[in-house]
């Protein structure tokens, strides 16, 4: 079924008892995994409305799966990577725990072939691991500020990471070499009143052929302490290594683009939080959105279902919301 962004409606709300910070569908789409501020991850059967508890004993914002989808990997704010059974166990226990980083893990990603896991965090390290056994393959250093996000290029040979001051490093996986640095100055700002930088890629994703990299965050920051600014998603021309377009919002709202998806049908989706909650939809080469959908509260993460039409958003008000890009049933 093709997606129809202009017909987006809120289909379901799932209630929890703690603020939520992350969400990802498993590869089958049956389960939605959610990280919460109760130091737990929850596996939600969103059709049935039932959930199962995982106990990483830490905030988890980073969630990924092995290629078959039967193993979940979490990256915790305590610096640990943990492997879990993803879809069967009713009382899931950790399969493997790796002390991966000193300080929080901000993001993890699995390679297109499912063989490698990349992680990054506040220790300024990028690390690559074998998904199968958790062994360390390579460690890369080059960032001077906290690393916010990581993504594998669809070719499976390259990796990109972005940091607090929006310096993006393109890494060659085979040898761990830094190929180039791509700055995106619009997504960071130094606030002299607080003597602090604010910015970086709060969300990041390639399109299917790897020709574009979308980086979501905040621009026009006026208060680094509170993160006050306007949501923005910058699309980078990967071959040229430079900005192709910066997507902004018509209403000039104050928020952060916590979620970014380059949809297979050729449009970009952004979810905003830390302020106004919205889903925004942009065409590839247009600054302003062609449609927006208001959410009841700000979203702190977003995930696209394998069906290509259902969007999950995780919210600070302890709710998961499922929105559908299709005509609402009568």
Protein backbone atom coordinates (compact mmCIF):
# COMPACT_ATOMS: atom_id res chain seq x y z
CA UNK A 1 0.00 0.00 0.00
CA UNK A 2 1.52 3.37 -0.99
CA UNK A 3 1.96 5.99 1.70
CA UNK A 4 -0.33 9.03 1.66
CA UNK A 5 1.26 11.58 4.05
CA UNK A 6 -1.53 14.15 3.58
CA UNK A 7 -4.03 11.64 5.03
CA UNK A 8 -2.01 10.81 8.16
CA UNK A 9 -4.11 10.06 11.23
CA UNK A 10 -3.46 8.88 14.79
CA UNK A 11 -4.42 5.20 14.84
CA UNK A 12 -3.43 4.01 18.32
CA UNK A 13 -1.95 5.17 21.61
CA UNK A 14 -0.08 2.80 23.93
CA UNK A 15 0.24 3.86 27.56
CA UNK A 16 3.24 3.35 29.82
CA UNK A 17 4.11 4.57 33.33
CA UNK A 18 7.44 6.29 32.58
CA UNK A 19 8.67 8.83 30.00
CA UNK A 20 9.88 7.23 26.76
CA UNK A 21 13.10 8.00 24.91
CA UNK A 22 13.45 5.51 22.02
CA UNK A 23 11.46 3.25 19.70
CA UNK A 24 12.23 0.74 16.94
CA UNK A 25 10.17 -1.89 15.13
CA UNK A 26 11.67 -5.34 14.83
CA UNK A 27 12.25 -6.50 11.21
CA UNK A 28 8.95 -8.42 11.15
CA UNK A 29 6.99 -5.38 12.29
CA UNK A 30 5.08 -7.39 14.89
CA UNK A 31 6.91 -5.89 17.84
CA UNK A 32 7.80 -2.34 18.80
CA UNK A 33 10.74 -1.99 21.20
CA UNK A 34 10.68 1.09 23.44
CA UNK A 35 13.33 2.53 25.76
CA UNK A 36 11.99 4.21 28.90
CA UNK A 37 13.25 6.32 31.78
CA UNK A 38 12.40 3.45 34.18
CA UNK A 39 15.74 1.86 33.12
CA UNK A 40 13.84 -0.73 31.09
CA UNK A 41 13.23 -1.63 27.46
CA UNK A 42 9.75 -2.87 26.57
CA UNK A 43 8.77 -5.23 23.76
CA UNK A 44 5.28 -4.22 22.70
CA UNK A 45 2.99 -6.41 20.63
CA UNK A 46 1.29 -3.29 19.34
CA UNK A 47 -1.65 -5.14 17.78
CA UNK A 48 -2.48 -6.99 21.00
CA UNK A 49 -1.40 -4.14 23.29
CA UNK A 50 0.72 -6.43 25.48
CA UNK A 51 4.33 -5.82 26.53
CA UNK A 52 7.34 -7.70 27.89
CA UNK A 53 10.05 -6.23 30.13
CA UNK A 54 13.80 -6.16 29.47
CA UNK A 55 16.09 -4.96 32.24
CA UNK A 56 19.29 -3.27 30.99
CA UNK A 57 19.48 -1.27 34.26
CA UNK A 58 20.15 1.90 32.29
CA UNK A 59 18.49 4.40 30.02
CA UNK A 60 18.57 3.04 26.49
CA UNK A 61 18.18 5.26 23.47
CA UNK A 62 19.97 2.94 21.01
CA UNK A 63 18.21 -0.15 19.66
CA UNK A 64 19.20 -2.43 16.77
CA UNK A 65 18.63 -5.98 15.51
CA UNK A 66 20.61 -8.74 13.88
CA UNK A 67 19.74 -9.65 10.30
CA UNK A 68 17.19 -12.39 11.09
CA UNK A 69 15.62 -10.12 13.72
CA UNK A 70 15.69 -12.67 16.53
CA UNK A 71 18.33 -10.77 18.53
CA UNK A 72 17.98 -7.26 19.95
CA UNK A 73 21.05 -5.18 20.80
CA UNK A 74 20.78 -2.24 23.20
CA UNK A 75 23.26 0.56 23.81
CA UNK A 76 22.95 2.02 27.31
CA UNK A 77 23.78 5.32 28.92
CA UNK A 78 26.05 3.21 31.18
CA UNK A 79 28.32 2.41 28.20
CA UNK A 80 27.24 -1.24 27.86
CA UNK A 81 26.12 -3.11 24.77
CA UNK A 82 23.72 -5.95 25.59
CA UNK A 83 22.46 -8.73 23.32
CA UNK A 84 18.94 -10.07 24.04
CA UNK A 85 16.46 -12.58 22.58
CA UNK A 86 14.13 -10.34 20.59
CA UNK A 87 10.92 -12.13 19.78
CA UNK A 88 10.27 -15.28 21.84
CA UNK A 89 11.29 -15.12 25.49
CA UNK A 90 8.62 -13.98 27.92
CA UNK A 91 11.26 -13.30 30.59
CA UNK A 92 14.23 -12.27 28.44
CA UNK A 93 17.70 -12.55 29.98
CA UNK A 94 20.84 -11.03 28.48
CA UNK A 95 22.69 -13.25 26.01
CA UNK A 96 25.88 -11.20 26.14
CA UNK A 97 27.08 -7.97 27.78
CA UNK A 98 30.03 -5.91 26.52
CA UNK A 99 31.60 -3.00 28.42
CA UNK A 100 31.87 -0.98 25.23
CA UNK A 101 32.39 2.72 26.05
CA UNK A 102 33.41 4.96 28.91
CA UNK A 103 30.37 7.14 29.30
CA UNK A 104 27.03 6.88 27.53
CA UNK A 105 26.43 5.18 24.22
CA UNK A 106 24.46 7.64 22.14
CA UNK A 107 23.86 5.53 19.03
CA UNK A 108 24.37 2.11 17.48
CA UNK A 109 23.79 0.76 13.97
CA UNK A 110 23.98 -2.62 12.23
CA UNK A 111 25.61 -3.01 8.80
CA UNK A 112 23.43 -3.81 5.77
CA UNK A 113 24.69 -7.42 5.69
CA UNK A 114 23.99 -7.83 9.41
CA UNK A 115 27.58 -8.81 10.25
CA UNK A 116 28.83 -5.67 12.02
CA UNK A 117 27.62 -3.33 14.76
CA UNK A 118 28.92 0.22 15.11
CA UNK A 119 28.67 2.19 18.35
CA UNK A 120 29.64 5.69 19.43
CA UNK A 121 29.49 7.76 22.57
CA UNK A 122 30.86 10.34 24.91
CA UNK A 123 34.37 8.83 25.06
CA UNK A 124 35.01 10.18 21.51
CA UNK A 125 35.42 6.64 20.19
CA UNK A 126 33.76 4.90 17.27
CA UNK A 127 33.85 1.13 17.67
CA UNK A 128 32.94 -1.70 15.31
CA UNK A 129 31.93 -5.12 16.66
CA UNK A 130 30.96 -8.51 15.26
CA UNK A 131 27.23 -8.98 15.71
CA UNK A 132 27.61 -12.75 16.03
CA UNK A 133 29.86 -12.83 19.10
CA UNK A 134 30.35 -9.23 20.28
CA UNK A 135 34.09 -9.22 19.59
CA UNK A 136 35.78 -5.91 18.82
CA UNK A 137 36.80 -5.50 15.18
CA UNK A 138 38.11 -1.96 15.18
CA UNK A 139 38.28 1.28 17.15
CA UNK A 140 38.45 4.67 15.43
CA UNK A 141 39.30 8.07 16.89
CA UNK A 142 39.02 11.47 15.26
CA UNK A 143 36.15 13.39 16.79
CA UNK A 144 36.99 16.16 19.24
CA UNK A 145 33.51 16.45 20.78
CA UNK A 146 30.85 13.99 21.95
CA UNK A 147 29.66 11.75 19.12
CA UNK A 148 25.90 11.92 18.65
CA UNK A 149 25.10 9.48 15.88
CA UNK A 150 26.32 6.74 13.55
CA UNK A 151 25.04 5.19 10.31
CA UNK A 152 26.28 2.61 7.84
CA UNK A 153 26.24 3.54 4.17
CA UNK A 154 24.04 1.13 2.16
CA UNK A 155 27.14 -0.05 0.26
CA UNK A 156 28.29 -1.74 3.48
CA UNK A 157 31.83 -0.40 3.01
CA UNK A 158 31.52 3.01 4.64
CA UNK A 159 30.36 4.51 7.93
CA UNK A 160 29.50 8.05 8.99
CA UNK A 161 29.45 9.60 12.46
CA UNK A 162 28.41 13.08 13.56
CA UNK A 163 29.29 15.00 16.71
CA UNK A 164 28.08 17.83 18.95
CA UNK A 165 29.53 20.56 16.71
CA UNK A 166 28.19 18.87 13.57
CA UNK A 167 31.46 17.60 12.21
CA UNK A 168 30.66 14.44 10.25
CA UNK A 169 33.42 11.92 9.58
CA UNK A 170 33.21 9.49 6.68
CA UNK A 171 35.07 6.30 7.64
CA UNK A 172 36.29 3.49 5.42
CA UNK A 173 35.32 0.32 7.26
CA UNK A 174 37.97 -2.06 5.96
CA UNK A 175 40.92 -0.15 7.37
CA UNK A 176 39.19 2.28 9.73
CA UNK A 177 40.55 5.26 7.81
CA UNK A 178 38.89 8.68 8.05
CA UNK A 179 38.20 9.50 4.39
CA UNK A 180 36.86 13.05 4.81
CA UNK A 181 35.12 15.42 7.21
CA UNK A 182 31.83 17.04 6.24
CA UNK A 183 30.85 20.07 8.34
CA UNK A 184 27.19 21.12 8.64
CA UNK A 185 27.45 24.44 10.50
CA UNK A 186 23.69 25.11 10.44
CA UNK A 187 23.10 22.27 12.92
CA UNK A 188 25.27 23.65 15.70
CA UNK A 189 25.83 26.93 17.53
CA UNK A 190 28.01 28.27 20.30
CA UNK A 191 25.95 30.19 22.87
CA UNK A 192 28.23 32.79 24.50
CA UNK A 193 25.78 33.45 27.36
CA UNK A 194 26.12 29.84 28.56
CA UNK A 195 29.58 29.33 27.02
CA UNK A 196 28.33 26.10 25.50
CA UNK A 197 27.86 24.46 22.12
CA UNK A 198 24.50 22.99 21.23
CA UNK A 199 23.59 20.90 18.21
CA UNK A 200 24.68 17.79 16.38
CA UNK A 201 22.67 15.07 14.61
CA UNK A 202 19.89 13.99 16.96
CA UNK A 203 18.75 11.70 14.13
CA UNK A 204 20.48 10.44 11.00
CA UNK A 205 19.66 8.17 8.06
CA UNK A 206 20.67 7.33 4.50
CA UNK A 207 18.25 6.84 1.64
CA UNK A 208 18.11 3.40 0.01
CA UNK A 209 20.80 3.99 -2.63
CA UNK A 210 23.10 5.97 -0.35
CA UNK A 211 23.07 9.10 -2.48
CA UNK A 212 21.71 11.24 0.36
CA UNK A 213 22.31 11.41 4.10
CA UNK A 214 19.65 13.14 6.21
CA UNK A 215 20.75 14.72 9.50
CA UNK A 216 18.08 16.01 11.90
CA UNK A 217 18.60 18.43 14.75
CA UNK A 218 18.12 22.05 15.67
CA UNK A 219 19.14 25.35 14.06
CA UNK A 220 18.95 29.04 15.03
CA UNK A 221 19.66 28.14 18.66
CA UNK A 222 18.91 30.99 21.06
CA UNK A 223 19.41 29.14 24.33
CA UNK A 224 21.95 26.31 24.48
CA UNK A 225 20.98 25.33 28.04
CA UNK A 226 17.31 24.72 27.15
CA UNK A 227 17.95 23.69 23.55
CA UNK A 228 15.69 26.41 22.18
CA UNK A 229 15.79 26.69 18.40
CA UNK A 230 14.05 25.58 15.22
CA UNK A 231 13.91 22.00 13.94
CA UNK A 232 15.91 21.33 10.80
CA UNK A 233 16.85 18.36 8.64
CA UNK A 234 19.85 18.80 6.38
CA UNK A 235 20.15 16.45 3.42
CA UNK A 236 23.75 15.91 2.31
CA UNK A 237 24.74 15.00 -1.23
CA UNK A 238 26.93 12.05 -0.28
CA UNK A 239 29.10 12.00 -3.42
CA UNK A 240 29.82 15.71 -3.24
CA UNK A 241 30.07 15.79 0.56
CA UNK A 242 28.05 18.97 0.93
CA UNK A 243 24.60 20.21 1.86
CA UNK A 244 21.95 19.64 -0.81
CA UNK A 245 18.94 21.11 1.02
CA UNK A 246 17.97 22.18 4.54
CA UNK A 247 14.36 21.39 5.44
CA UNK A 248 12.71 23.88 7.78
CA UNK A 249 9.12 24.46 8.92
CA UNK A 250 6.67 27.09 7.75
CA UNK A 251 5.48 27.87 11.25
CA UNK A 252 8.97 28.58 12.60
CA UNK A 253 8.21 26.36 15.60
CA UNK A 254 10.61 25.80 18.49
CA UNK A 255 11.60 22.13 18.71
CA UNK A 256 14.25 19.57 17.74
CA UNK A 257 14.10 17.02 14.91
CA UNK A 258 14.58 13.89 17.02
CA UNK A 259 13.52 11.51 14.26
CA UNK A 260 14.42 11.35 10.56
CA UNK A 261 13.40 8.92 7.82
CA UNK A 262 14.12 9.09 4.09
CA UNK A 263 11.06 7.20 2.88
CA UNK A 264 11.50 4.68 0.04
CA UNK A 265 8.83 6.56 -1.91
CA UNK A 266 11.04 9.64 -2.12
CA UNK A 267 9.94 12.01 0.64
CA UNK A 268 11.47 12.88 4.01
CA UNK A 269 9.74 12.50 7.39
CA UNK A 270 10.79 14.37 10.53
CA UNK A 271 9.43 14.01 14.07
CA UNK A 272 9.89 16.94 16.44
CA UNK A 273 10.05 17.18 20.21
CA UNK A 274 11.64 19.19 23.05
CA UNK A 275 8.89 21.64 22.21
CA UNK A 276 6.07 21.31 19.71
CA UNK A 277 5.23 17.76 18.64
CA UNK A 278 4.71 17.23 14.93
CA UNK A 279 5.33 14.93 12.01
CA UNK A 280 6.62 16.90 9.03
CA UNK A 281 6.82 15.73 5.42
CA UNK A 282 9.15 17.25 2.83
CA UNK A 283 9.83 16.70 -0.85
CA UNK A 284 13.54 16.12 -1.61
CA UNK A 285 14.38 19.58 -2.92
CA UNK A 286 11.95 21.83 -1.07
CA UNK A 287 12.78 23.81 2.05
CA UNK A 288 9.26 23.89 3.51
CA UNK A 289 7.10 20.88 4.32
CA UNK A 290 4.26 19.88 1.98
CA UNK A 291 2.31 18.50 4.95
CA UNK A 292 2.44 18.43 8.74
CA UNK A 293 0.57 16.42 11.34
CA UNK A 294 0.27 17.67 14.91
CA UNK A 295 1.08 15.25 17.73
CA UNK A 296 -0.38 15.78 21.23
CA UNK A 297 3.11 16.21 22.75
CA UNK A 298 6.72 16.33 21.59
CA UNK A 299 8.25 13.16 20.14
CA UNK A 300 11.67 11.96 21.37
CA UNK A 301 12.14 9.27 18.73
CA UNK A 302 10.48 7.92 15.60
CA UNK A 303 10.43 4.61 13.72
CA UNK A 304 8.90 3.57 10.41
CA UNK A 305 7.13 0.20 10.30
CA UNK A 306 8.18 -2.28 7.57
CA UNK A 307 4.76 -1.68 5.95
CA UNK A 308 5.98 1.81 4.98
CA UNK A 309 2.84 3.57 6.22
CA UNK A 310 2.83 3.24 10.03
CA UNK A 311 4.96 5.63 12.09
CA UNK A 312 5.71 5.08 15.79
CA UNK A 313 6.70 7.99 18.02
CA UNK A 314 7.95 7.78 21.62
CA UNK A 315 6.90 10.61 23.92
CA UNK A 316 7.87 12.20 27.22
CA UNK A 317 4.26 11.88 28.41
CA UNK A 318 4.83 8.08 28.69
CA UNK A 319 2.91 7.22 25.54
CA UNK A 320 3.73 5.56 22.23
CA UNK A 321 1.68 6.87 19.34
CA UNK A 322 1.09 5.02 16.09
CA UNK A 323 0.20 7.26 13.15
CA UNK A 324 -0.76 5.90 9.74
CA UNK A 325 -0.14 7.56 6.37
CA UNK A 326 -3.40 6.42 4.76
CA UNK A 327 -7.09 7.22 4.62
CA UNK A 328 -8.70 6.76 8.01
CA UNK A 329 -11.11 3.81 8.09
CA UNK A 330 -14.76 4.81 8.13
